[in-house]
Amino acid sequence: YLTVFQIKHRNNVHLKIFICEFITGGGLYREPLPPSLLKEGAMMRDAVLRDFSDLKNIQILMTYDARLSKPPGIMDALAINQQDDAWATWASCMEEADAVLLIAPETGGYLAQLSAMAERLNKMVLGCDTQAVQITTNKYQTYQHLKRHNIPTPFTYLYVDWPQSKGAWIAKPIDGAG
């Protein structure tokens, strides 16, 4: 399904979008920046920015970790420093925007928290709603949901219920990507 929308604003800007990429956008502003996560976050952020750069009458608002360079080609980018409150800054950016695009880890509930914040502020979320994020963040809940709706999926067990039969098994954390 495709949803088509148009919101008119002054100065020929039709839509102001807050793009929140968690790692480069200040989510680890009081922690070390792991090089692998930083690289992945920057690649996702830059891919989204390339896609949006082809659209007319779109204004992008972003945040960035003050230890990093400002995102390329973005006029409206706020630095998040160690003394700041990233969550309050993100809420302020969401309030200013018409729509929100969230790129955040499911681990720790970060994506669900950001989605819920956007929904509380009545913002259009360009992605899944909080309920979908909460279901799919947890691999076992996802399995149960797919099974309830008769969608074929590999048998999945919690470790405590694992039948330990012979054969190949894949073990993954319930909410991680590892």
N, C-alpha and C. Protein backbone atom coordinates (compact mmCIF):
# COMPACT_ATOMS: atom_id res chain seq x y z
N TYR A 1 0.83 -1.17 0.00
CA TYR A 1 0.00 0.00 0.00
C TYR A 1 0.88 1.25 0.00
N LEU A 2 0.42 2.28 -0.65
CA LEU A 2 1.16 3.53 -0.74
C LEU A 2 0.28 4.64 -0.20
N THR A 3 0.84 5.42 0.69
CA THR A 3 0.13 6.58 1.22
C THR A 3 0.72 7.82 0.58
N VAL A 4 -0.10 8.64 0.00
CA VAL A 4 0.34 9.88 -0.62
C VAL A 4 -0.16 11.03 0.24
N PHE A 5 0.72 11.96 0.52
CA PHE A 5 0.33 13.07 1.37
C PHE A 5 1.01 14.33 0.89
N GLN A 6 0.44 15.45 1.25
CA GLN A 6 1.04 16.74 0.95
C GLN A 6 0.67 17.70 2.07
N ILE A 7 1.69 18.35 2.60
CA ILE A 7 1.48 19.35 3.64
C ILE A 7 2.14 20.62 3.14
N LYS A 8 1.37 21.68 2.99
CA LYS A 8 1.90 22.96 2.49
C LYS A 8 2.39 23.81 3.65
N HIS A 9 3.55 24.37 3.48
CA HIS A 9 4.11 25.32 4.43
C HIS A 9 4.60 26.53 3.67
N ARG A 10 5.05 27.52 4.41
CA ARG A 10 5.57 28.72 3.78
C ARG A 10 6.93 28.41 3.12
N ASN A 11 7.36 29.31 2.27
CA ASN A 11 8.65 29.21 1.57
C ASN A 11 8.76 27.96 0.70
N ASN A 12 7.66 27.48 0.18
CA ASN A 12 7.64 26.33 -0.72
C ASN A 12 8.14 25.03 -0.09
N VAL A 13 8.26 24.98 1.21
CA VAL A 13 8.59 23.73 1.88
C VAL A 13 7.28 23.01 2.17
N HIS A 14 7.14 21.83 1.62
CA HIS A 14 5.91 21.07 1.80
C HIS A 14 5.97 20.17 3.04
N LEU A 15 7.17 19.71 3.37
CA LEU A 15 7.29 18.76 4.46
C LEU A 15 8.63 18.94 5.16
N LYS A 16 8.57 19.07 6.47
CA LYS A 16 9.79 19.14 7.27
C LYS A 16 9.94 17.80 7.98
N ILE A 17 11.06 17.12 7.73
CA ILE A 17 11.28 15.78 8.26
C ILE A 17 12.45 15.79 9.23
N PHE A 18 12.21 15.24 10.41
CA PHE A 18 13.30 15.01 11.35
C PHE A 18 13.81 13.61 11.13
N ILE A 19 15.07 13.50 10.71
CA ILE A 19 15.71 12.20 10.53
C ILE A 19 16.60 11.98 11.73
N CYS A 20 16.30 10.94 12.48
CA CYS A 20 17.05 10.63 13.70
C CYS A 20 17.78 9.31 13.51
N GLU A 21 19.07 9.41 13.20
CA GLU A 21 19.92 8.20 13.17
C GLU A 21 20.60 8.18 14.53
N PHE A 22 20.31 7.18 15.32
CA PHE A 22 20.67 7.13 16.73
C PHE A 22 22.17 7.26 17.00
N ILE A 23 23.01 6.51 16.32
CA ILE A 23 24.44 6.46 16.63
C ILE A 23 25.11 7.78 16.27
N THR A 24 24.96 8.23 15.02
CA THR A 24 25.60 9.48 14.60
C THR A 24 24.83 10.69 15.12
N GLY A 25 23.56 10.49 15.48
CA GLY A 25 22.70 11.60 15.90
C GLY A 25 22.74 11.93 17.37
N GLY A 26 23.67 11.34 18.12
CA GLY A 26 23.82 11.70 19.51
C GLY A 26 23.38 10.66 20.52
N GLY A 27 22.98 9.49 20.08
CA GLY A 27 22.49 8.46 20.99
C GLY A 27 23.54 7.94 21.96
N LEU A 28 24.80 8.05 21.58
CA LEU A 28 25.89 7.60 22.45
C LEU A 28 26.74 8.77 22.91
N TYR A 29 26.11 9.92 23.07
CA TYR A 29 26.84 11.16 23.35
C TYR A 29 27.62 11.15 24.65
N ARG A 30 27.31 10.24 25.55
CA ARG A 30 28.06 10.14 26.81
C ARG A 30 28.83 8.83 26.91
N GLU A 31 28.98 8.16 25.79
CA GLU A 31 29.69 6.87 25.74
C GLU A 31 30.69 6.91 24.60
N PRO A 32 31.65 6.00 24.61
CA PRO A 32 32.56 5.91 23.46
C PRO A 32 31.77 5.53 22.21
N LEU A 33 32.23 5.97 21.05
CA LEU A 33 31.60 5.64 19.78
C LEU A 33 32.31 4.42 19.17
N PRO A 34 31.68 3.23 19.22
CA PRO A 34 32.31 2.06 18.63
C PRO A 34 32.46 2.24 17.12
N PRO A 35 33.67 2.07 16.58
CA PRO A 35 33.89 2.31 15.15
C PRO A 35 32.94 1.54 14.22
N SER A 36 32.64 0.28 14.54
CA SER A 36 31.76 -0.50 13.65
C SER A 36 30.34 0.07 13.64
N LEU A 37 29.80 0.42 14.82
CA LEU A 37 28.46 1.00 14.88
C LEU A 37 28.43 2.37 14.22
N LEU A 38 29.48 3.14 14.43
CA LEU A 38 29.57 4.47 13.82
C LEU A 38 29.55 4.36 12.30
N LYS A 39 30.31 3.42 11.77
CA LYS A 39 30.36 3.22 10.32
C LYS A 39 28.97 2.82 9.78
N GLU A 40 28.33 1.86 10.45
CA GLU A 40 27.00 1.40 10.02
C GLU A 40 25.97 2.53 10.10
N GLY A 41 25.99 3.27 11.21
CA GLY A 41 25.05 4.38 11.38
C GLY A 41 25.23 5.45 10.33
N ALA A 42 26.49 5.80 10.05
CA ALA A 42 26.77 6.82 9.03
C ALA A 42 26.33 6.34 7.65
N MET A 43 26.54 5.06 7.36
CA MET A 43 26.12 4.54 6.05
C MET A 43 24.60 4.61 5.89
N MET A 44 23.86 4.24 6.94
CA MET A 44 22.39 4.30 6.87
C MET A 44 21.93 5.75 6.75
N ARG A 45 22.49 6.62 7.58
CA ARG A 45 22.13 8.05 7.53
C ARG A 45 22.40 8.62 6.14
N ASP A 46 23.58 8.38 5.60
CA ASP A 46 23.94 8.95 4.30
C ASP A 46 23.10 8.39 3.17
N ALA A 47 22.72 7.11 3.26
CA ALA A 47 21.84 6.53 2.23
C ALA A 47 20.48 7.22 2.24
N VAL A 48 19.93 7.46 3.44
CA VAL A 48 18.64 8.15 3.55
C VAL A 48 18.76 9.58 3.02
N LEU A 49 19.85 10.25 3.37
CA LEU A 49 20.05 11.63 2.90
C LEU A 49 20.16 11.68 1.37
N ARG A 50 20.82 10.71 0.78
CA ARG A 50 20.90 10.65 -0.70
C ARG A 50 19.50 10.49 -1.30
N ASP A 51 18.71 9.61 -0.71
CA ASP A 51 17.35 9.39 -1.22
C ASP A 51 16.51 10.66 -1.11
N PHE A 52 16.57 11.33 0.03
CA PHE A 52 15.77 12.54 0.22
C PHE A 52 16.29 13.72 -0.59
N SER A 53 17.56 13.70 -0.97
CA SER A 53 18.12 14.83 -1.74
C SER A 53 17.48 14.94 -3.12
N ASP A 54 16.89 13.86 -3.61
CA ASP A 54 16.22 13.88 -4.91
C ASP A 54 14.82 14.49 -4.85
N LEU A 55 14.29 14.71 -3.67
CA LEU A 55 12.93 15.22 -3.51
C LEU A 55 12.94 16.74 -3.38
N LYS A 56 11.97 17.36 -4.00
CA LYS A 56 11.82 18.82 -3.94
C LYS A 56 10.95 19.20 -2.75
N ASN A 57 11.16 20.40 -2.24
CA ASN A 57 10.31 20.99 -1.20
C ASN A 57 10.29 20.20 0.10
N ILE A 58 11.41 19.55 0.39
CA ILE A 58 11.56 18.82 1.64
C ILE A 58 12.64 19.53 2.45
N GLN A 59 12.38 19.74 3.72
CA GLN A 59 13.39 20.30 4.60
C GLN A 59 13.76 19.24 5.62
N ILE A 60 15.05 18.97 5.75
CA ILE A 60 15.55 17.94 6.66
C ILE A 60 16.09 18.61 7.93
N LEU A 61 15.70 18.07 9.06
CA LEU A 61 16.22 18.48 10.36
C LEU A 61 16.89 17.25 10.96
N MET A 62 18.11 17.42 11.47
CA MET A 62 18.85 16.30 12.06
C MET A 62 19.60 16.76 13.30
N THR A 63 20.07 15.78 14.06
CA THR A 63 21.02 16.03 15.13
C THR A 63 22.27 15.24 14.81
N TYR A 64 23.37 15.64 15.45
CA TYR A 64 24.61 14.87 15.29
C TYR A 64 25.43 14.94 16.56
N ASP A 65 26.13 13.89 16.83
CA ASP A 65 27.04 13.82 17.97
C ASP A 65 28.12 14.87 17.75
N ALA A 66 28.34 15.74 18.70
CA ALA A 66 29.28 16.86 18.55
C ALA A 66 30.71 16.41 18.30
N ARG A 67 31.02 15.15 18.57
CA ARG A 67 32.37 14.62 18.28
C ARG A 67 32.55 14.32 16.80
N LEU A 68 31.47 14.40 16.04
CA LEU A 68 31.48 14.08 14.61
C LEU A 68 31.27 15.34 13.79
N SER A 69 31.50 15.23 12.51
CA SER A 69 31.22 16.34 11.60
C SER A 69 29.71 16.46 11.39
N LYS A 70 29.28 17.65 11.07
CA LYS A 70 27.87 17.89 10.73
C LYS A 70 27.53 17.04 9.51
N PRO A 71 26.31 16.46 9.46
CA PRO A 71 25.92 15.64 8.32
C PRO A 71 26.05 16.43 7.01
N PRO A 72 26.55 15.80 5.97
CA PRO A 72 26.78 16.50 4.70
C PRO A 72 25.50 17.05 4.08
N GLY A 73 25.55 18.30 3.68
CA GLY A 73 24.46 18.92 2.94
C GLY A 73 23.23 19.28 3.76
N ILE A 74 23.32 19.25 5.07
CA ILE A 74 22.16 19.54 5.92
C ILE A 74 22.35 20.90 6.57
N MET A 75 21.40 21.79 6.33
CA MET A 75 21.47 23.12 6.93
C MET A 75 21.00 23.10 8.38
N ASP A 76 19.91 22.37 8.65
CA ASP A 76 19.31 22.30 9.97
C ASP A 76 19.82 21.08 10.73
N ALA A 77 21.01 21.19 11.33
CA ALA A 77 21.58 20.09 12.09
C ALA A 77 22.04 20.62 13.44
N LEU A 78 21.56 20.00 14.50
CA LEU A 78 21.90 20.42 15.85
C LEU A 78 22.92 19.47 16.45
N ALA A 79 24.00 20.01 16.99
CA ALA A 79 25.01 19.20 17.67
C ALA A 79 24.51 18.81 19.05
N ILE A 80 24.77 17.58 19.45
CA ILE A 80 24.45 17.11 20.79
C ILE A 80 25.78 16.89 21.51
N ASN A 81 25.97 17.67 22.56
CA ASN A 81 27.18 17.62 23.37
C ASN A 81 26.94 16.76 24.61
N GLN A 82 28.02 16.44 25.31
CA GLN A 82 27.95 15.59 26.49
C GLN A 82 27.03 16.17 27.58
N GLN A 83 26.96 17.47 27.71
CA GLN A 83 26.12 18.08 28.75
C GLN A 83 24.65 18.19 28.34
N ASP A 84 24.34 17.93 27.09
CA ASP A 84 22.96 18.02 26.60
C ASP A 84 22.14 16.81 27.01
N ASP A 85 20.85 16.90 26.76
CA ASP A 85 19.93 15.78 26.94
C ASP A 85 19.45 15.41 25.54
N ALA A 86 20.02 14.33 25.00
CA ALA A 86 19.69 13.93 23.62
C ALA A 86 18.18 13.71 23.46
N TRP A 87 17.55 13.07 24.43
CA TRP A 87 16.12 12.76 24.31
C TRP A 87 15.27 14.03 24.28
N ALA A 88 15.62 15.02 25.07
CA ALA A 88 14.89 16.30 25.04
C ALA A 88 15.13 17.01 23.72
N THR A 89 16.34 16.94 23.20
CA THR A 89 16.64 17.56 21.90
C THR A 89 15.85 16.88 20.80
N TRP A 90 15.81 15.55 20.82
CA TRP A 90 15.03 14.82 19.81
C TRP A 90 13.55 15.17 19.90
N ALA A 91 13.02 15.27 21.11
CA ALA A 91 11.60 15.63 21.28
C ALA A 91 11.34 17.02 20.69
N SER A 92 12.25 17.95 20.93
CA SER A 92 12.11 19.30 20.39
C SER A 92 12.13 19.28 18.86
N CYS A 93 13.03 18.50 18.30
CA CYS A 93 13.10 18.38 16.83
C CYS A 93 11.83 17.76 16.27
N MET A 94 11.30 16.75 16.97
CA MET A 94 10.06 16.12 16.52
C MET A 94 8.91 17.12 16.55
N GLU A 95 8.85 17.94 17.60
CA GLU A 95 7.79 18.94 17.70
C GLU A 95 7.83 19.90 16.53
N GLU A 96 9.02 20.21 16.06
CA GLU A 96 9.20 21.17 14.96
C GLU A 96 8.90 20.55 13.59
N ALA A 97 8.94 19.24 13.50
CA ALA A 97 8.81 18.55 12.21
C ALA A 97 7.36 18.13 11.93
N ASP A 98 7.12 17.84 10.66
CA ASP A 98 5.83 17.27 10.25
C ASP A 98 5.87 15.75 10.31
N ALA A 99 7.04 15.20 10.01
CA ALA A 99 7.21 13.75 9.95
C ALA A 99 8.56 13.38 10.55
N VAL A 100 8.67 12.11 10.93
CA VAL A 100 9.87 11.62 11.60
C VAL A 100 10.31 10.32 10.94
N LEU A 101 11.61 10.21 10.65
CA LEU A 101 12.20 8.97 10.16
C LEU A 101 13.22 8.53 11.20
N LEU A 102 13.02 7.34 11.76
CA LEU A 102 13.85 6.86 12.87
C LEU A 102 14.73 5.70 12.44
N ILE A 103 16.00 5.80 12.76
CA ILE A 103 16.96 4.72 12.54
C ILE A 103 17.64 4.52 13.89
N ALA A 104 17.27 3.47 14.59
CA ALA A 104 17.77 3.27 15.95
C ALA A 104 17.83 1.78 16.27
N PRO A 105 18.70 1.41 17.20
CA PRO A 105 18.77 0.01 17.61
C PRO A 105 17.47 -0.43 18.28
N GLU A 106 17.09 -1.67 18.00
CA GLU A 106 15.96 -2.26 18.71
C GLU A 106 16.40 -2.68 20.10
N THR A 107 17.67 -3.09 20.23
CA THR A 107 18.23 -3.49 21.51
C THR A 107 18.10 -2.32 22.49
N GLY A 108 17.70 -2.63 23.69
CA GLY A 108 17.53 -1.59 24.69
C GLY A 108 16.24 -0.82 24.55
N GLY A 109 15.44 -1.17 23.55
CA GLY A 109 14.16 -0.51 23.35
C GLY A 109 14.25 0.89 22.76
N TYR A 110 15.41 1.26 22.21
CA TYR A 110 15.58 2.64 21.72
C TYR A 110 14.62 2.98 20.58
N LEU A 111 14.48 2.08 19.61
CA LEU A 111 13.59 2.37 18.48
C LEU A 111 12.14 2.49 18.97
N ALA A 112 11.73 1.61 19.86
CA ALA A 112 10.36 1.68 20.40
C ALA A 112 10.14 2.98 21.18
N GLN A 113 11.13 3.39 21.97
CA GLN A 113 11.00 4.64 22.74
C GLN A 113 10.88 5.85 21.83
N LEU A 114 11.69 5.89 20.77
CA LEU A 114 11.61 7.01 19.83
C LEU A 114 10.29 6.99 19.07
N SER A 115 9.83 5.82 18.67
CA SER A 115 8.55 5.70 17.97
C SER A 115 7.41 6.17 18.85
N ALA A 116 7.43 5.76 20.11
CA ALA A 116 6.37 6.17 21.05
C ALA A 116 6.40 7.68 21.27
N MET A 117 7.60 8.26 21.34
CA MET A 117 7.72 9.71 21.50
C MET A 117 7.08 10.43 20.31
N ALA A 118 7.39 9.98 19.11
CA ALA A 118 6.83 10.60 17.91
C ALA A 118 5.31 10.47 17.88
N GLU A 119 4.81 9.31 18.26
CA GLU A 119 3.36 9.11 18.29
C GLU A 119 2.69 9.99 19.34
N ARG A 120 3.31 10.13 20.52
CA ARG A 120 2.74 11.01 21.56
C ARG A 120 2.66 12.45 21.07
N LEU A 121 3.61 12.83 20.21
CA LEU A 121 3.62 14.19 19.67
C LEU A 121 2.77 14.31 18.39
N ASN A 122 2.05 13.23 18.06
CA ASN A 122 1.17 13.19 16.88
C ASN A 122 1.92 13.47 15.58
N LYS A 123 3.10 12.90 15.47
CA LYS A 123 3.89 13.07 14.25
C LYS A 123 3.74 11.87 13.35
N MET A 124 3.77 12.11 12.06
CA MET A 124 3.75 11.05 11.08
C MET A 124 5.09 10.33 11.16
N VAL A 125 5.05 9.03 11.44
CA VAL A 125 6.27 8.24 11.51
C VAL A 125 6.45 7.53 10.17
N LEU A 126 7.57 7.80 9.53
CA LEU A 126 7.88 7.16 8.25
C LEU A 126 8.55 5.82 8.56
N GLY A 127 7.73 4.88 8.96
CA GLY A 127 8.21 3.57 9.38
C GLY A 127 7.10 2.87 10.14
N CYS A 128 7.47 1.89 10.91
CA CYS A 128 6.50 1.10 11.66
C CYS A 128 6.03 1.83 12.91
N ASP A 129 4.80 1.54 13.32
CA ASP A 129 4.30 2.12 14.56
C ASP A 129 4.92 1.39 15.75
N THR A 130 4.72 1.94 16.93
CA THR A 130 5.34 1.42 18.14
C THR A 130 4.95 -0.03 18.40
N GLN A 131 3.71 -0.37 18.20
CA GLN A 131 3.26 -1.75 18.45
C GLN A 131 4.01 -2.73 17.56
N ALA A 132 4.18 -2.41 16.29
CA ALA A 132 4.91 -3.29 15.38
C ALA A 132 6.38 -3.39 15.79
N VAL A 133 6.96 -2.27 16.19
CA VAL A 133 8.36 -2.28 16.64
C VAL A 133 8.50 -3.17 17.86
N GLN A 134 7.58 -3.05 18.81
CA GLN A 134 7.67 -3.85 20.04
C GLN A 134 7.55 -5.35 19.75
N ILE A 135 6.69 -5.71 18.82
CA ILE A 135 6.53 -7.13 18.47
C ILE A 135 7.79 -7.64 17.78
N THR A 136 8.25 -6.92 16.78
CA THR A 136 9.36 -7.42 15.96
C THR A 136 10.72 -7.26 16.61
N THR A 137 10.83 -6.45 17.63
CA THR A 137 12.10 -6.32 18.35
C THR A 137 12.43 -7.62 19.07
N ASN A 138 11.44 -8.30 19.56
CA ASN A 138 11.62 -9.53 20.31
C ASN A 138 11.43 -10.71 19.36
N LYS A 139 12.51 -11.47 19.13
CA LYS A 139 12.44 -12.57 18.16
C LYS A 139 11.39 -13.62 18.53
N TYR A 140 11.22 -13.89 19.80
CA TYR A 140 10.23 -14.89 20.19
C TYR A 140 8.81 -14.37 20.01
N GLN A 141 8.57 -13.10 20.34
CA GLN A 141 7.24 -12.51 20.10
C GLN A 141 6.94 -12.47 18.60
N THR A 142 7.96 -12.19 17.79
CA THR A 142 7.77 -12.20 16.34
C THR A 142 7.35 -13.58 15.87
N TYR A 143 8.06 -14.60 16.36
CA TYR A 143 7.73 -15.99 16.02
C TYR A 143 6.28 -16.30 16.38
N GLN A 144 5.88 -15.96 17.61
CA GLN A 144 4.51 -16.23 18.06
C GLN A 144 3.48 -15.48 17.21
N HIS A 145 3.79 -14.24 16.87
CA HIS A 145 2.87 -13.44 16.05
C HIS A 145 2.72 -14.06 14.65
N LEU A 146 3.83 -14.43 14.04
CA LEU A 146 3.77 -15.05 12.71
C LEU A 146 3.01 -16.36 12.75
N LYS A 147 3.26 -17.15 13.77
CA LYS A 147 2.57 -18.44 13.92
C LYS A 147 1.06 -18.25 14.09
N ARG A 148 0.65 -17.27 14.93
CA ARG A 148 -0.78 -16.98 15.13
C ARG A 148 -1.47 -16.61 13.83
N HIS A 149 -0.72 -16.00 12.91
CA HIS A 149 -1.31 -15.57 11.63
C HIS A 149 -0.99 -16.53 10.50
N ASN A 150 -0.60 -17.75 10.86
CA ASN A 150 -0.34 -18.83 9.89
C ASN A 150 0.69 -18.45 8.84
N ILE A 151 1.70 -17.73 9.25
CA ILE A 151 2.80 -17.36 8.36
C ILE A 151 3.94 -18.32 8.65
N PRO A 152 4.37 -19.09 7.64
CA PRO A 152 5.44 -20.07 7.87
C PRO A 152 6.71 -19.41 8.42
N THR A 153 7.27 -20.01 9.43
CA THR A 153 8.49 -19.51 10.07
C THR A 153 9.21 -20.68 10.72
N PRO A 154 10.52 -20.62 10.84
CA PRO A 154 11.25 -21.72 11.50
C PRO A 154 10.80 -21.88 12.95
N PHE A 155 10.82 -23.11 13.44
CA PHE A 155 10.51 -23.34 14.85
C PHE A 155 11.49 -22.54 15.70
N THR A 156 10.94 -21.89 16.71
CA THR A 156 11.74 -21.03 17.57
C THR A 156 11.42 -21.35 19.02
N TYR A 157 12.45 -21.43 19.84
CA TYR A 157 12.28 -21.76 21.24
C TYR A 157 13.04 -20.76 22.10
N LEU A 158 12.52 -20.53 23.29
CA LEU A 158 13.31 -19.86 24.32
C LEU A 158 14.34 -20.88 24.80
N TYR A 159 15.47 -20.42 25.27
CA TYR A 159 16.52 -21.33 25.70
C TYR A 159 16.02 -22.34 26.74
N VAL A 160 15.21 -21.87 27.68
CA VAL A 160 14.72 -22.77 28.74
C VAL A 160 13.81 -23.87 28.19
N ASP A 161 13.24 -23.68 27.01
CA ASP A 161 12.33 -24.67 26.40
C ASP A 161 12.99 -25.42 25.24
N TRP A 162 14.24 -25.16 24.98
CA TRP A 162 14.93 -25.76 23.84
C TRP A 162 14.99 -27.28 23.98
N PRO A 163 14.51 -28.02 22.96
CA PRO A 163 14.45 -29.48 23.06
C PRO A 163 15.82 -30.17 23.00
N GLN A 164 16.88 -29.48 22.63
CA GLN A 164 18.24 -30.00 22.58
C GLN A 164 18.37 -31.30 21.79
N SER A 165 17.59 -31.43 20.74
CA SER A 165 17.73 -32.59 19.86
C SER A 165 18.94 -32.39 18.97
N LYS A 166 19.37 -33.47 18.35
CA LYS A 166 20.53 -33.38 17.48
C LYS A 166 20.19 -32.59 16.22
N GLY A 167 21.20 -32.01 15.63
CA GLY A 167 21.00 -31.23 14.42
C GLY A 167 21.56 -29.84 14.60
N ALA A 168 21.46 -29.07 13.55
CA ALA A 168 22.00 -27.70 13.56
C ALA A 168 20.99 -26.74 14.19
N TRP A 169 21.50 -25.86 15.02
CA TRP A 169 20.67 -24.86 15.69
C TRP A 169 21.33 -23.50 15.55
N ILE A 170 20.54 -22.47 15.56
CA ILE A 170 21.04 -21.09 15.59
C ILE A 170 20.55 -20.48 16.90
N ALA A 171 21.47 -19.91 17.64
CA ALA A 171 21.10 -19.24 18.90
C ALA A 171 21.37 -17.75 18.72
N LYS A 172 20.38 -16.94 19.08
CA LYS A 172 20.49 -15.48 18.95
C LYS A 172 19.90 -14.83 20.19
N PRO A 173 20.43 -13.66 20.53
CA PRO A 173 19.80 -12.92 21.64
C PRO A 173 18.37 -12.53 21.24
N ILE A 174 17.50 -12.44 22.20
CA ILE A 174 16.09 -12.20 21.90
C ILE A 174 15.84 -10.86 21.24
N ASP A 175 16.67 -9.85 21.57
CA ASP A 175 16.41 -8.52 21.00
C ASP A 175 17.61 -7.91 20.28
N GLY A 176 18.61 -8.69 19.98
CA GLY A 176 19.79 -8.13 19.31
C GLY A 176 19.86 -8.54 17.86
N ALA A 177 20.82 -7.99 17.18
CA ALA A 177 21.02 -8.33 15.78
C ALA A 177 22.15 -9.34 15.60
N GLY A 178 22.81 -9.73 16.69
CA GLY A 178 23.96 -10.64 16.62
C GLY A 178 23.58 -12.07 16.37
